[in-house]
Amino acid sequence: MEGMPLLVWRADVSGSWNWSGPQWQEYTGQSAADSRGSGWLDLVHPDDRERVRENWSTAAERGEFRAAYRIWHADEERYRWFQTRAKPVRGEHGTIIEWLGTSTDVDDLRRLQDLQRTLLAELQHRVRNILGVIRSMIRRSSEHHQSLDEYVQHIEGRLGTLARTQSLLTQSVDARVDLEDLVRDELVAQAADEKRVTLAGPKVHLGPKVAEVFSLAIHELTTNAVKYGALSQPAATLCIAWDVAARDEDRWLRLNWTEAGVPSVGSAPRHSGFGTELITRRVPYELKGEGTITMRPGGIECVLEFPLREQPSILQTDARIPHGKGGGHAS
């Protein structure tokens, strides 16, 4: 028993310990003498003790003791989850003489199970959001196109942007996307002449929700520029500049999309389509920010502003979860 990689112990018929193995003493820091009787319960999480006592009260009837509870780990200074089982040793007349028990550390397993449930909930939420965006794309894309080919082209472009963003998000364990990489990927995807494009701004990483909405906004602006604006005119230029500043106890991103040298914007569509709705309505709603588009001499000017709220990624499984002696297990 002393060689088992578990916490091992012996108890009398009432559940009072009369021996604990060196594993228990090394793990909890409690001496063998202090663990005897009900002393071992002092190292069980306070919220779990009553449940443990109730399980012991019916163990003889059930012919076994089985319970999951938290035990103090001296080295980590926190409680960890254990699965505890004990079987009775019976005499020649079948009466219980004592109990032999083991406690197995299942804290990492429970943590992974909690993470799996959280990931599933996040996945369901993300899928619902993406499907909502796709429904909006289909509905708004069908309102103004003159031909089926034009409609299909717009749908494919928007879906391609969503796919590229998801690909970038899954490359990083902390689920962040570099803003400049996102913009460059969109310019490359639409075969834009990057020599006439100026990018300027600090290093900024976007979380999943921000990246999805922001990438679609950049896609719509790029598509419009390629068809009607600065990227359709050999002498025109495009400047995409951004900065981050403190506002209302948050860090806010401000991006300016400024076109210059476009002879006329009269050929651009005058209706309010998916792109305009995305920038002027979805950015304020989804990102709690602001989005404006201005048609001016020389081309379009667009301003996107929204807060960058830093949160730990749900996909980061290697981050240490803080625990306190009185707080139990956090997930």
C-alpha atoms as a PDB file:
ATOM      1  CA  MET A   1       0.000   0.000   0.000  1.00  0.00           C
ATOM      2  CA  GLU A   2       2.873   2.375   0.694  1.00  0.00           C
ATOM      3  CA  GLY A   3       4.127   1.899  -2.860  1.00  0.00           C
ATOM      4  CA  MET A   4       0.820   2.889  -4.554  1.00  0.00           C
ATOM      5  CA  PRO A   5       0.719   6.265  -6.377  1.00  0.00           C
ATOM      6  CA  LEU A   6      -2.483   7.116  -4.467  1.00  0.00           C
ATOM      7  CA  LEU A   7      -3.432   8.409  -1.058  1.00  0.00           C
ATOM      8  CA  VAL A   8      -4.063   5.267   1.039  1.00  0.00           C
ATOM      9  CA  TRP A   9      -5.569   4.821   4.480  1.00  0.00           C
ATOM     10  CA  ARG A  10      -7.352   2.442   6.864  1.00  0.00           C
ATOM     11  CA  ALA A  11     -10.436   3.155   8.970  1.00  0.00           C
ATOM     12  CA  ASP A  12     -12.474   1.384  11.624  1.00  0.00           C
ATOM     13  CA  VAL A  13     -16.111   0.391  11.166  1.00  0.00           C
ATOM     14  CA  SER A  14     -17.301   3.951  11.905  1.00  0.00           C
ATOM     15  CA  GLY A  15     -14.988   5.562   9.374  1.00  0.00           C
ATOM     16  CA  SER A  16     -12.454   6.857  11.878  1.00  0.00           C
ATOM     17  CA  TRP A  17      -8.969   6.504  10.487  1.00  0.00           C
ATOM     18  CA  ASN A  18      -6.460   4.380  12.346  1.00  0.00           C
ATOM     19  CA  TRP A  19      -3.670   4.612   9.741  1.00  0.00           C
ATOM     20  CA  SER A  20      -2.675   6.856   6.850  1.00  0.00           C
ATOM     21  CA  GLY A  21       0.036   6.080   4.340  1.00  0.00           C
ATOM     22  CA  PRO A  22       3.096   8.263   3.741  1.00  0.00           C
ATOM     23  CA  GLN A  23       1.454   9.482   0.543  1.00  0.00           C
ATOM     24  CA  TRP A  24      -1.243  11.271   2.594  1.00  0.00           C
ATOM     25  CA  GLN A  25       1.302  12.825   4.904  1.00  0.00           C
ATOM     26  CA  GLU A  26       3.523  14.034   2.048  1.00  0.00           C
ATOM     27  CA  TYR A  27       0.592  15.380   0.027  1.00  0.00           C
ATOM     28  CA  THR A  28      -1.325  17.197   2.783  1.00  0.00           C
ATOM     29  CA  GLY A  29       1.488  17.944   5.226  1.00  0.00           C
ATOM     30  CA  GLN A  30      -0.571  16.367   8.006  1.00  0.00           C
ATOM     31  CA  SER A  31       1.165  13.924  10.342  1.00  0.00           C
ATOM     32  CA  ALA A  32      -0.014  10.339  10.758  1.00  0.00           C
ATOM     33  CA  ALA A  33      -1.064  11.054  14.347  1.00  0.00           C
ATOM     34  CA  ASP A  34      -3.126  14.121  13.361  1.00  0.00           C
ATOM     35  CA  SER A  35      -4.937  12.202  10.603  1.00  0.00           C
ATOM     36  CA  ARG A  36      -6.297   9.541  12.995  1.00  0.00           C
ATOM     37  CA  GLY A  37      -9.894   9.522  14.063  1.00  0.00           C
ATOM     38  CA  SER A  38     -11.663  12.353  12.232  1.00  0.00           C
ATOM     39  CA  GLY A  39      -8.539  14.491  12.024  1.00  0.00           C
ATOM     40  CA  TRP A  40      -8.213  13.776   8.293  1.00  0.00           C
ATOM     41  CA  LEU A  41     -11.438  15.712   7.724  1.00  0.00           C
ATOM     42  CA  ASP A  42      -9.571  18.902   8.601  1.00  0.00           C
ATOM     43  CA  LEU A  43      -7.801  18.603   5.245  1.00  0.00           C
ATOM     44  CA  VAL A  44     -11.083  18.172   3.329  1.00  0.00           C
ATOM     45  CA  HIS A  45     -12.641  21.320   1.885  1.00  0.00           C
ATOM     46  CA  PRO A  46     -15.148  22.793   4.399  1.00  0.00           C
ATOM     47  CA  ASP A  47     -17.939  22.755   1.800  1.00  0.00           C
ATOM     48  CA  ASP A  48     -17.456  19.001   1.249  1.00  0.00           C
ATOM     49  CA  ARG A  49     -17.200  17.720   4.816  1.00  0.00           C
ATOM     50  CA  GLU A  50     -20.903  17.251   5.536  1.00  0.00           C
ATOM     51  CA  ARG A  51     -21.378  15.294   2.317  1.00  0.00           C
ATOM     52  CA  VAL A  52     -18.446  13.053   3.254  1.00  0.00           C
ATOM     53  CA  ARG A  53     -19.978  12.353   6.671  1.00  0.00           C
ATOM     54  CA  GLU A  54     -23.322  11.476   5.074  1.00  0.00           C
ATOM     55  CA  ASN A  55     -21.626   9.038   2.708  1.00  0.00           C
ATOM     56  CA  TRP A  56     -19.901   7.328   5.629  1.00  0.00           C
ATOM     57  CA  SER A  57     -23.207   6.947   7.484  1.00  0.00           C
ATOM     58  CA  THR A  58     -24.599   4.737   4.683  1.00  0.00           C
ATOM     59  CA  ALA A  59     -21.382   3.022   3.606  1.00  0.00           C
ATOM     60  CA  ALA A  60     -22.003  -0.168   5.609  1.00  0.00           C
ATOM     61  CA  GLU A  61     -25.445  -0.621   4.027  1.00  0.00           C
ATOM     62  CA  ARG A  62     -24.076  -0.097   0.537  1.00  0.00           C
ATOM     63  CA  GLY A  63     -20.999  -2.217   1.098  1.00  0.00           C
ATOM     64  CA  GLU A  64     -18.659   0.489  -0.124  1.00  0.00           C
ATOM     65  CA  PHE A  65     -17.654   4.085   0.425  1.00  0.00           C
ATOM     66  CA  ARG A  66     -17.431   6.306  -2.642  1.00  0.00           C
ATOM     67  CA  ALA A  67     -17.286  10.097  -2.812  1.00  0.00           C
ATOM     68  CA  ALA A  68     -15.707  12.964  -4.733  1.00  0.00           C
ATOM     69  CA  TYR A  69     -14.331  15.781  -2.620  1.00  0.00           C
ATOM     70  CA  ARG A  70     -11.472  18.260  -2.392  1.00  0.00           C
ATOM     71  CA  ILE A  71      -8.309  17.630  -0.374  1.00  0.00           C
ATOM     72  CA  TRP A  72      -5.708  20.223   0.596  1.00  0.00           C
ATOM     73  CA  HIS A  73      -2.428  20.079  -1.333  1.00  0.00           C
ATOM     74  CA  ALA A  74       0.348  21.477   0.825  1.00  0.00           C
ATOM     75  CA  ASP A  75       2.833  22.226  -1.970  1.00  0.00           C
ATOM     76  CA  GLU A  76       0.316  24.074  -4.197  1.00  0.00           C
ATOM     77  CA  GLU A  77      -1.514  25.613  -1.225  1.00  0.00           C
ATOM     78  CA  ARG A  78      -4.905  24.867  -2.678  1.00  0.00           C
ATOM     79  CA  TYR A  79      -7.550  22.164  -2.757  1.00  0.00           C
ATOM     80  CA  ARG A  80      -7.630  19.546  -5.489  1.00  0.00           C
ATOM     81  CA  TRP A  81     -10.440  17.184  -6.420  1.00  0.00           C
ATOM     82  CA  PHE A  82     -10.114  13.504  -5.486  1.00  0.00           C
ATOM     83  CA  GLN A  83     -12.212  10.440  -6.156  1.00  0.00           C
ATOM     84  CA  THR A  84     -12.201   8.353  -2.970  1.00  0.00           C
ATOM     85  CA  ARG A  85     -13.235   4.702  -2.684  1.00  0.00           C
ATOM     86  CA  ALA A  86     -13.078   2.231   0.174  1.00  0.00           C
ATOM     87  CA  LYS A  87     -13.991  -1.435   0.520  1.00  0.00           C
ATOM     88  CA  PRO A  88     -14.773  -3.232   3.778  1.00  0.00           C
ATOM     89  CA  VAL A  89     -12.689  -6.023   5.236  1.00  0.00           C
ATOM     90  CA  ARG A  90     -15.092  -8.598   6.687  1.00  0.00           C
ATOM     91  CA  GLY A  91     -14.637 -11.204   9.368  1.00  0.00           C
ATOM     92  CA  GLU A  92     -15.615 -14.877   9.212  1.00  0.00           C
ATOM     93  CA  HIS A  93     -19.266 -14.064   9.978  1.00  0.00           C
ATOM     94  CA  GLY A  94     -19.439 -11.302   7.363  1.00  0.00           C
ATOM     95  CA  THR A  95     -19.255  -8.426   9.795  1.00  0.00           C
ATOM     96  CA  ILE A  96     -17.132  -5.428   8.827  1.00  0.00           C
ATOM     97  CA  ILE A  97     -13.817  -5.312  10.678  1.00  0.00           C
ATOM     98  CA  GLU A  98     -12.268  -2.272   8.972  1.00  0.00           C
ATOM     99  CA  TRP A  99     -12.122  -0.289   5.732  1.00  0.00           C
ATOM    100  CA  LEU A 100      -9.261   0.003   3.253  1.00  0.00           C
ATOM    101  CA  GLY A 101      -9.443   3.121   1.087  1.00  0.00           C
ATOM    102  CA  THR A 102      -7.673   5.058  -1.661  1.00  0.00           C
ATOM    103  CA  SER A 103      -8.048   8.608  -2.921  1.00  0.00           C
ATOM    104  CA  THR A 104      -7.188   9.322  -6.572  1.00  0.00           C
ATOM    105  CA  ASP A 105      -6.350  12.842  -7.840  1.00  0.00           C
ATOM    106  CA  VAL A 106      -8.905  13.738 -10.557  1.00  0.00           C
ATOM    107  CA  ASP A 107      -8.452  17.522 -10.431  1.00  0.00           C
ATOM    108  CA  ASP A 108      -6.911  17.827 -13.909  1.00  0.00           C
ATOM    109  CA  LEU A 109      -9.611  15.592 -15.371  1.00  0.00           C
ATOM    110  CA  ARG A 110     -12.389  17.708 -13.839  1.00  0.00           C
ATOM    111  CA  ARG A 111     -10.686  20.860 -15.065  1.00  0.00           C
ATOM    112  CA  LEU A 112     -10.546  19.478 -18.605  1.00  0.00           C
ATOM    113  CA  GLN A 113     -14.189  18.417 -18.407  1.00  0.00           C
ATOM    114  CA  ASP A 114     -15.167  21.908 -17.278  1.00  0.00           C
ATOM    115  CA  LEU A 115     -13.119  23.382 -20.100  1.00  0.00           C
ATOM    116  CA  GLN A 116     -14.746  21.026 -22.607  1.00  0.00           C
ATOM    117  CA  ARG A 117     -18.225  22.112 -21.520  1.00  0.00           C
ATOM    118  CA  THR A 118     -17.221  25.769 -21.754  1.00  0.00           C
ATOM    119  CA  LEU A 119     -15.660  25.268 -25.185  1.00  0.00           C
ATOM    120  CA  LEU A 120     -18.801  23.538 -26.430  1.00  0.00           C
ATOM    121  CA  ALA A 121     -20.951  26.431 -25.217  1.00  0.00           C
ATOM    122  CA  GLU A 122     -18.577  28.920 -26.875  1.00  0.00           C
ATOM    123  CA  LEU A 123     -18.595  26.924 -30.103  1.00  0.00           C
ATOM    124  CA  GLN A 124     -22.395  26.883 -30.167  1.00  0.00           C
ATOM    125  CA  HIS A 125     -22.428  30.641 -29.545  1.00  0.00           C
ATOM    126  CA  ARG A 126     -19.865  31.295 -32.280  1.00  0.00           C
ATOM    127  CA  VAL A 127     -21.735  29.129 -34.792  1.00  0.00           C
ATOM    128  CA  ARG A 128     -25.021  30.915 -34.077  1.00  0.00           C
ATOM    129  CA  ASN A 129     -23.322  34.285 -34.526  1.00  0.00           C
ATOM    130  CA  ILE A 130     -21.665  33.268 -37.804  1.00  0.00           C
ATOM    131  CA  LEU A 131     -24.914  31.826 -39.164  1.00  0.00           C
ATOM    132  CA  GLY A 132     -26.627  35.092 -38.251  1.00  0.00           C
ATOM    133  CA  VAL A 133     -24.001  37.031 -40.212  1.00  0.00           C
ATOM    134  CA  ILE A 134     -24.384  34.676 -43.180  1.00  0.00           C
ATOM    135  CA  ARG A 135     -28.183  35.074 -43.163  1.00  0.00           C
ATOM    136  CA  SER A 136     -27.739  38.836 -43.172  1.00  0.00           C
ATOM    137  CA  MET A 137     -25.234  38.556 -46.044  1.00  0.00           C
ATOM    138  CA  ILE A 138     -27.611  36.496 -48.145  1.00  0.00           C
ATOM    139  CA  ARG A 139     -30.588  38.732 -47.457  1.00  0.00           C
ATOM    140  CA  ARG A 140     -28.853  42.055 -48.065  1.00  0.00           C
ATOM    141  CA  SER A 141     -26.715  40.806 -50.961  1.00  0.00           C
ATOM    142  CA  SER A 142     -29.802  39.789 -52.925  1.00  0.00           C
ATOM    143  CA  GLU A 143     -31.468  43.204 -52.767  1.00  0.00           C
ATOM    144  CA  HIS A 144     -29.470  45.204 -55.291  1.00  0.00           C
ATOM    145  CA  HIS A 145     -27.528  42.915 -57.608  1.00  0.00           C
ATOM    146  CA  GLN A 146     -28.526  42.872 -61.236  1.00  0.00           C
ATOM    147  CA  SER A 147     -27.383  39.339 -62.065  1.00  0.00           C
ATOM    148  CA  LEU A 148     -26.928  35.962 -60.432  1.00  0.00           C
ATOM    149  CA  ASP A 149     -23.198  36.013 -61.197  1.00  0.00           C
ATOM    150  CA  GLU A 150     -22.762  39.326 -59.377  1.00  0.00           C
ATOM    151  CA  TYR A 151     -24.747  38.006 -56.412  1.00  0.00           C
ATOM    152  CA  VAL A 152     -22.649  34.819 -56.207  1.00  0.00           C
ATOM    153  CA  GLN A 153     -19.424  36.841 -56.458  1.00  0.00           C
ATOM    154  CA  HIS A 154     -20.382  39.008 -53.486  1.00  0.00           C
ATOM    155  CA  ILE A 155     -21.473  36.047 -51.373  1.00  0.00           C
ATOM    156  CA  GLU A 156     -18.262  34.147 -52.129  1.00  0.00           C
ATOM    157  CA  GLY A 157     -16.142  37.174 -51.216  1.00  0.00           C
ATOM    158  CA  ARG A 158     -17.876  37.684 -47.888  1.00  0.00           C
ATOM    159  CA  LEU A 159     -17.788  34.007 -46.978  1.00  0.00           C
ATOM    160  CA  GLY A 160     -14.108  33.915 -47.945  1.00  0.00           C
ATOM    161  CA  THR A 161     -13.408  36.742 -45.515  1.00  0.00           C
ATOM    162  CA  LEU A 162     -15.157  34.884 -42.711  1.00  0.00           C
ATOM    163  CA  ALA A 163     -13.173  31.737 -43.527  1.00  0.00           C
ATOM    164  CA  ARG A 164      -9.836  33.590 -43.531  1.00  0.00           C
ATOM    165  CA  THR A 165     -10.623  35.165 -40.177  1.00  0.00           C
ATOM    166  CA  GLN A 166     -11.508  31.804 -38.632  1.00  0.00           C
ATOM    167  CA  SER A 167      -8.264  30.377 -40.017  1.00  0.00           C
ATOM    168  CA  LEU A 168      -6.250  33.166 -38.379  1.00  0.00           C
ATOM    169  CA  LEU A 169      -8.049  32.695 -35.073  1.00  0.00           C
ATOM    170  CA  THR A 170      -7.280  28.988 -34.911  1.00  0.00           C
ATOM    171  CA  GLN A 171      -3.555  29.541 -35.528  1.00  0.00           C
ATOM    172  CA  SER A 172      -3.051  31.141 -32.117  1.00  0.00           C
ATOM    173  CA  VAL A 173      -3.543  29.526 -28.736  1.00  0.00           C
ATOM    174  CA  ASP A 174      -4.693  32.846 -27.301  1.00  0.00           C
ATOM    175  CA  ALA A 175      -7.244  33.413 -30.087  1.00  0.00           C
ATOM    176  CA  ARG A 176      -5.986  36.830 -31.215  1.00  0.00           C
ATOM    177  CA  VAL A 177      -5.588  38.223 -34.732  1.00  0.00           C
ATOM    178  CA  ASP A 178      -3.044  40.842 -35.739  1.00  0.00           C
ATOM    179  CA  LEU A 179      -4.874  43.844 -37.196  1.00  0.00           C
ATOM    180  CA  GLU A 180      -2.293  44.599 -39.883  1.00  0.00           C
ATOM    181  CA  ASP A 181      -2.148  40.953 -40.998  1.00  0.00           C
ATOM    182  CA  LEU A 182      -5.929  40.901 -41.277  1.00  0.00           C
ATOM    183  CA  VAL A 183      -5.957  44.039 -43.467  1.00  0.00           C
ATOM    184  CA  ARG A 184      -3.101  42.807 -45.672  1.00  0.00           C
ATOM    185  CA  ASP A 185      -4.762  39.409 -46.155  1.00  0.00           C
ATOM    186  CA  GLU A 186      -7.908  41.127 -47.410  1.00  0.00           C
ATOM    187  CA  LEU A 187      -5.966  43.348 -49.817  1.00  0.00           C
ATOM    188  CA  VAL A 188      -4.097  40.322 -51.173  1.00  0.00           C
ATOM    189  CA  ALA A 189      -7.320  38.302 -51.495  1.00  0.00           C
ATOM    190  CA  GLN A 190      -8.831  41.012 -53.695  1.00  0.00           C
ATOM    191  CA  ALA A 191      -5.638  41.461 -55.743  1.00  0.00           C
ATOM    192  CA  ALA A 192      -5.308  45.085 -54.660  1.00  0.00           C
ATOM    193  CA  ASP A 193      -2.238  47.065 -55.686  1.00  0.00           C
ATOM    194  CA  GLU A 194      -0.513  47.403 -52.322  1.00  0.00           C
ATOM    195  CA  LYS A 195       1.957  49.922 -53.753  1.00  0.00           C
ATOM    196  CA  ARG A 196      -0.810  52.525 -53.623  1.00  0.00           C
ATOM    197  CA  VAL A 197      -1.858  51.578 -50.107  1.00  0.00           C
ATOM    198  CA  THR A 198      -0.303  53.012 -46.944  1.00  0.00           C
ATOM    199  CA  LEU A 199      -0.709  51.146 -43.672  1.00  0.00           C
ATOM    200  CA  ALA A 200       0.250  52.918 -40.455  1.00  0.00           C
ATOM    201  CA  GLY A 201      -0.400  52.077 -36.843  1.00  0.00           C
ATOM    202  CA  PRO A 202       0.833  50.265 -33.753  1.00  0.00           C
ATOM    203  CA  LYS A 203       0.714  46.532 -33.148  1.00  0.00           C
ATOM    204  CA  VAL A 204      -2.859  45.614 -32.249  1.00  0.00           C
ATOM    205  CA  HIS A 205      -4.330  42.177 -31.584  1.00  0.00           C
ATOM    206  CA  LEU A 206      -8.062  41.607 -31.967  1.00  0.00           C
ATOM    207  CA  GLY A 207     -10.151  39.047 -30.122  1.00  0.00           C
ATOM    208  CA  PRO A 208     -12.463  36.609 -31.953  1.00  0.00           C
ATOM    209  CA  LYS A 209     -15.678  38.648 -31.914  1.00  0.00           C
ATOM    210  CA  VAL A 210     -13.928  41.891 -32.844  1.00  0.00           C
ATOM    211  CA  ALA A 211     -11.942  40.184 -35.598  1.00  0.00           C
ATOM    212  CA  GLU A 212     -15.045  38.691 -37.224  1.00  0.00           C
ATOM    213  CA  VAL A 213     -16.949  41.984 -37.410  1.00  0.00           C
ATOM    214  CA  PHE A 214     -13.866  44.073 -38.208  1.00  0.00           C
ATOM    215  CA  SER A 215     -12.713  41.762 -41.026  1.00  0.00           C
ATOM    216  CA  LEU A 216     -16.105  41.973 -42.718  1.00  0.00           C
ATOM    217  CA  ALA A 217     -15.982  45.770 -42.509  1.00  0.00           C
ATOM    218  CA  ILE A 218     -12.515  45.798 -44.122  1.00  0.00           C
ATOM    219  CA  HIS A 219     -13.780  43.395 -46.793  1.00  0.00           C
ATOM    220  CA  GLU A 220     -16.685  45.684 -47.693  1.00  0.00           C
ATOM    221  CA  LEU A 221     -14.432  48.754 -47.836  1.00  0.00           C
ATOM    222  CA  THR A 222     -11.862  46.920 -49.967  1.00  0.00           C
ATOM    223  CA  THR A 223     -14.518  45.571 -52.335  1.00  0.00           C
ATOM    224  CA  ASN A 224     -15.947  49.050 -52.823  1.00  0.00           C
ATOM    225  CA  ALA A 225     -12.475  50.516 -53.352  1.00  0.00           C
ATOM    226  CA  VAL A 226     -11.612  47.861 -55.971  1.00  0.00           C
ATOM    227  CA  LYS A 227     -14.858  48.380 -57.880  1.00  0.00           C
ATOM    228  CA  TYR A 228     -15.459  52.108 -57.521  1.00  0.00           C
ATOM    229  CA  GLY A 229     -12.846  53.800 -55.361  1.00  0.00           C
ATOM    230  CA  ALA A 230      -9.128  54.301 -54.881  1.00  0.00           C
ATOM    231  CA  LEU A 231      -8.124  50.775 -55.878  1.00  0.00           C
ATOM    232  CA  SER A 232      -9.952  51.114 -59.206  1.00  0.00           C
ATOM    233  CA  GLN A 233      -8.025  54.236 -60.276  1.00  0.00           C
ATOM    234  CA  PRO A 234      -4.336  54.041 -61.235  1.00  0.00           C
ATOM    235  CA  ALA A 235      -3.557  57.514 -59.847  1.00  0.00           C
ATOM    236  CA  ALA A 236      -5.564  57.238 -56.618  1.00  0.00           C
ATOM    237  CA  THR A 237      -4.209  56.274 -53.196  1.00  0.00           C
ATOM    238  CA  LEU A 238      -5.535  54.685 -50.045  1.00  0.00           C
ATOM    239  CA  CYS A 239      -4.352  55.341 -46.484  1.00  0.00           C
ATOM    240  CA  ILE A 240      -5.372  53.011 -43.666  1.00  0.00           C
ATOM    241  CA  ALA A 241      -4.189  54.383 -40.326  1.00  0.00           C
ATOM    242  CA  TRP A 242      -5.063  53.393 -36.793  1.00  0.00           C
ATOM    243  CA  ASP A 243      -4.143  54.200 -33.225  1.00  0.00           C
ATOM    244  CA  VAL A 244      -5.143  53.211 -29.698  1.00  0.00           C
ATOM    245  CA  ALA A 245      -6.065  55.708 -26.992  1.00  0.00           C
ATOM    246  CA  ALA A 246      -7.609  55.647 -23.522  1.00  0.00           C
ATOM    247  CA  ARG A 247     -11.261  56.555 -23.301  1.00  0.00           C
ATOM    248  CA  ASP A 248     -13.842  55.885 -20.567  1.00  0.00           C
ATOM    249  CA  GLU A 249     -11.454  53.561 -18.687  1.00  0.00           C
ATOM    250  CA  ASP A 250     -11.000  51.441 -21.831  1.00  0.00           C
ATOM    251  CA  ARG A 251      -8.476  51.274 -24.656  1.00  0.00           C
ATOM    252  CA  TRP A 252     -10.204  52.355 -27.870  1.00  0.00           C
ATOM    253  CA  LEU A 253      -9.094  51.549 -31.383  1.00  0.00           C
ATOM    254  CA  ARG A 254      -9.677  54.216 -34.039  1.00  0.00           C
ATOM    255  CA  LEU A 255      -9.120  53.291 -37.691  1.00  0.00           C
ATOM    256  CA  ASN A 256      -9.311  55.795 -40.536  1.00  0.00           C
ATOM    257  CA  TRP A 257      -9.840  54.558 -44.093  1.00  0.00           C
ATOM    258  CA  THR A 258      -9.100  57.504 -46.366  1.00  0.00           C
ATOM    259  CA  GLU A 259      -9.169  57.460 -50.174  1.00  0.00           C
ATOM    260  CA  ALA A 260      -7.615  60.240 -52.266  1.00  0.00           C
ATOM    261  CA  GLY A 261      -7.400  60.992 -55.954  1.00  0.00           C
ATOM    262  CA  VAL A 262     -10.639  59.322 -57.053  1.00  0.00           C
ATOM    263  CA  PRO A 263     -11.975  61.502 -59.892  1.00  0.00           C
ATOM    264  CA  SER A 264     -15.637  60.922 -59.062  1.00  0.00           C
ATOM    265  CA  VAL A 265     -17.639  58.892 -56.600  1.00  0.00           C
ATOM    266  CA  GLY A 266     -20.803  59.352 -58.596  1.00  0.00           C
ATOM    267  CA  SER A 267     -20.586  55.843 -60.042  1.00  0.00           C
ATOM    268  CA  ALA A 268     -20.665  54.274 -56.581  1.00  0.00           C
ATOM    269  CA  PRO A 269     -23.951  52.702 -55.474  1.00  0.00           C
ATOM    270  CA  ARG A 270     -26.253  55.101 -53.690  1.00  0.00           C
ATOM    271  CA  HIS A 271     -28.291  52.496 -51.846  1.00  0.00           C
ATOM    272  CA  SER A 272     -27.577  51.353 -48.297  1.00  0.00           C
ATOM    273  CA  GLY A 273     -26.324  47.786 -48.676  1.00  0.00           C
ATOM    274  CA  PHE A 274     -24.797  45.136 -46.450  1.00  0.00           C
ATOM    275  CA  GLY A 275     -21.475  46.971 -46.151  1.00  0.00           C
ATOM    276  CA  THR A 276     -23.015  50.268 -45.060  1.00  0.00           C
ATOM    277  CA  GLU A 277     -25.284  48.473 -42.596  1.00  0.00           C
ATOM    278  CA  LEU A 278     -22.339  46.524 -41.216  1.00  0.00           C
ATOM    279  CA  ILE A 279     -20.226  49.621 -40.615  1.00  0.00           C
ATOM    280  CA  THR A 280     -22.884  52.036 -39.374  1.00  0.00           C
ATOM    281  CA  ARG A 281     -25.086  49.616 -37.432  1.00  0.00           C
ATOM    282  CA  ARG A 282     -23.327  46.340 -36.646  1.00  0.00           C
ATOM    283  CA  VAL A 283     -20.105  47.919 -35.368  1.00  0.00           C
ATOM    284  CA  PRO A 284     -22.015  50.066 -32.840  1.00  0.00           C
ATOM    285  CA  TYR A 285     -24.242  47.119 -31.831  1.00  0.00           C
ATOM    286  CA  GLU A 286     -21.711  44.263 -31.697  1.00  0.00           C
ATOM    287  CA  LEU A 287     -18.580  46.147 -30.666  1.00  0.00           C
ATOM    288  CA  LYS A 288     -20.167  48.979 -28.645  1.00  0.00           C
ATOM    289  CA  GLY A 289     -18.374  51.477 -30.862  1.00  0.00           C
ATOM    290  CA  GLU A 290     -18.992  53.829 -33.787  1.00  0.00           C
ATOM    291  CA  GLY A 291     -18.819  53.502 -37.550  1.00  0.00           C
ATOM    292  CA  THR A 292     -19.216  56.271 -40.129  1.00  0.00           C
ATOM    293  CA  ILE A 293     -18.860  56.499 -43.919  1.00  0.00           C
ATOM    294  CA  THR A 294     -18.507  59.823 -45.707  1.00  0.00           C
ATOM    295  CA  MET A 295     -18.633  60.319 -49.478  1.00  0.00           C
ATOM    296  CA  ARG A 296     -16.361  63.271 -50.224  1.00  0.00           C
ATOM    297  CA  PRO A 297     -14.366  64.655 -53.163  1.00  0.00           C
ATOM    298  CA  GLY A 298     -11.460  62.323 -53.805  1.00  0.00           C
ATOM    299  CA  GLY A 299     -13.066  59.185 -52.419  1.00  0.00           C
ATOM    300  CA  ILE A 300     -14.582  57.555 -49.364  1.00  0.00           C
ATOM    301  CA  GLU A 301     -13.582  58.264 -45.790  1.00  0.00           C
ATOM    302  CA  CYS A 302     -14.555  55.712 -43.149  1.00  0.00           C
ATOM    303  CA  VAL A 303     -13.900  55.851 -39.419  1.00  0.00           C
ATOM    304  CA  LEU A 304     -14.230  52.781 -37.171  1.00  0.00           C
ATOM    305  CA  GLU A 305     -13.955  53.207 -33.401  1.00  0.00           C
ATOM    306  CA  PHE A 306     -14.536  50.619 -30.680  1.00  0.00           C
ATOM    307  CA  PRO A 307     -13.118  49.570 -27.282  1.00  0.00           C
ATOM    308  CA  LEU A 308     -10.475  46.855 -26.993  1.00  0.00           C
ATOM    309  CA  ARG A 309     -11.471  44.925 -23.910  1.00  0.00           C
ATOM    310  CA  GLU A 310      -8.776  42.417 -22.977  1.00  0.00           C
ATOM    311  CA  GLN A 311     -10.057  39.038 -21.777  1.00  0.00           C
ATOM    312  CA  PRO A 312      -8.235  35.712 -21.352  1.00  0.00           C
ATOM    313  CA  SER A 313      -8.960  33.380 -24.219  1.00  0.00           C
ATOM    314  CA  ILE A 314     -11.193  30.439 -23.574  1.00  0.00           C
ATOM    315  CA  LEU A 315      -8.922  28.371 -25.780  1.00  0.00           C
ATOM    316  CA  GLN A 316      -5.862  28.912 -23.599  1.00  0.00           C
ATOM    317  CA  THR A 317      -5.718  25.630 -21.693  1.00  0.00           C
ATOM    318  CA  ASP A 318      -2.210  26.037 -20.288  1.00  0.00           C
ATOM    319  CA  ALA A 319      -2.941  29.082 -18.128  1.00  0.00           C
ATOM    320  CA  ARG A 320      -2.640  28.471 -14.385  1.00  0.00           C
ATOM    321  CA  ILE A 321      -5.957  28.918 -12.623  1.00  0.00           C
ATOM    322  CA  PRO A 322      -5.579  30.721  -9.295  1.00  0.00           C
ATOM    323  CA  HIS A 323      -6.886  28.943  -6.217  1.00  0.00           C
ATOM    324  CA  GLY A 324      -7.209  29.960  -2.615  1.00  0.00           C
ATOM    325  CA  LYS A 325      -7.265  27.741   0.435  1.00  0.00           C
ATOM    326  CA  GLY A 326     -10.803  28.759   1.270  1.00  0.00           C
ATOM    327  CA  GLY A 327     -12.104  29.171  -2.259  1.00  0.00           C
ATOM    328  CA  GLY A 328     -11.977  25.644  -3.565  1.00  0.00           C
ATOM    329  CA  HIS A 329     -11.574  24.728  -7.188  1.00  0.00           C
ATOM    330  CA  ALA A 330     -12.103  27.372  -9.862  1.00  0.00           C
ATOM    331  CA  SER A 331     -12.777  26.601 -13.488  1.00  0.00           C
END
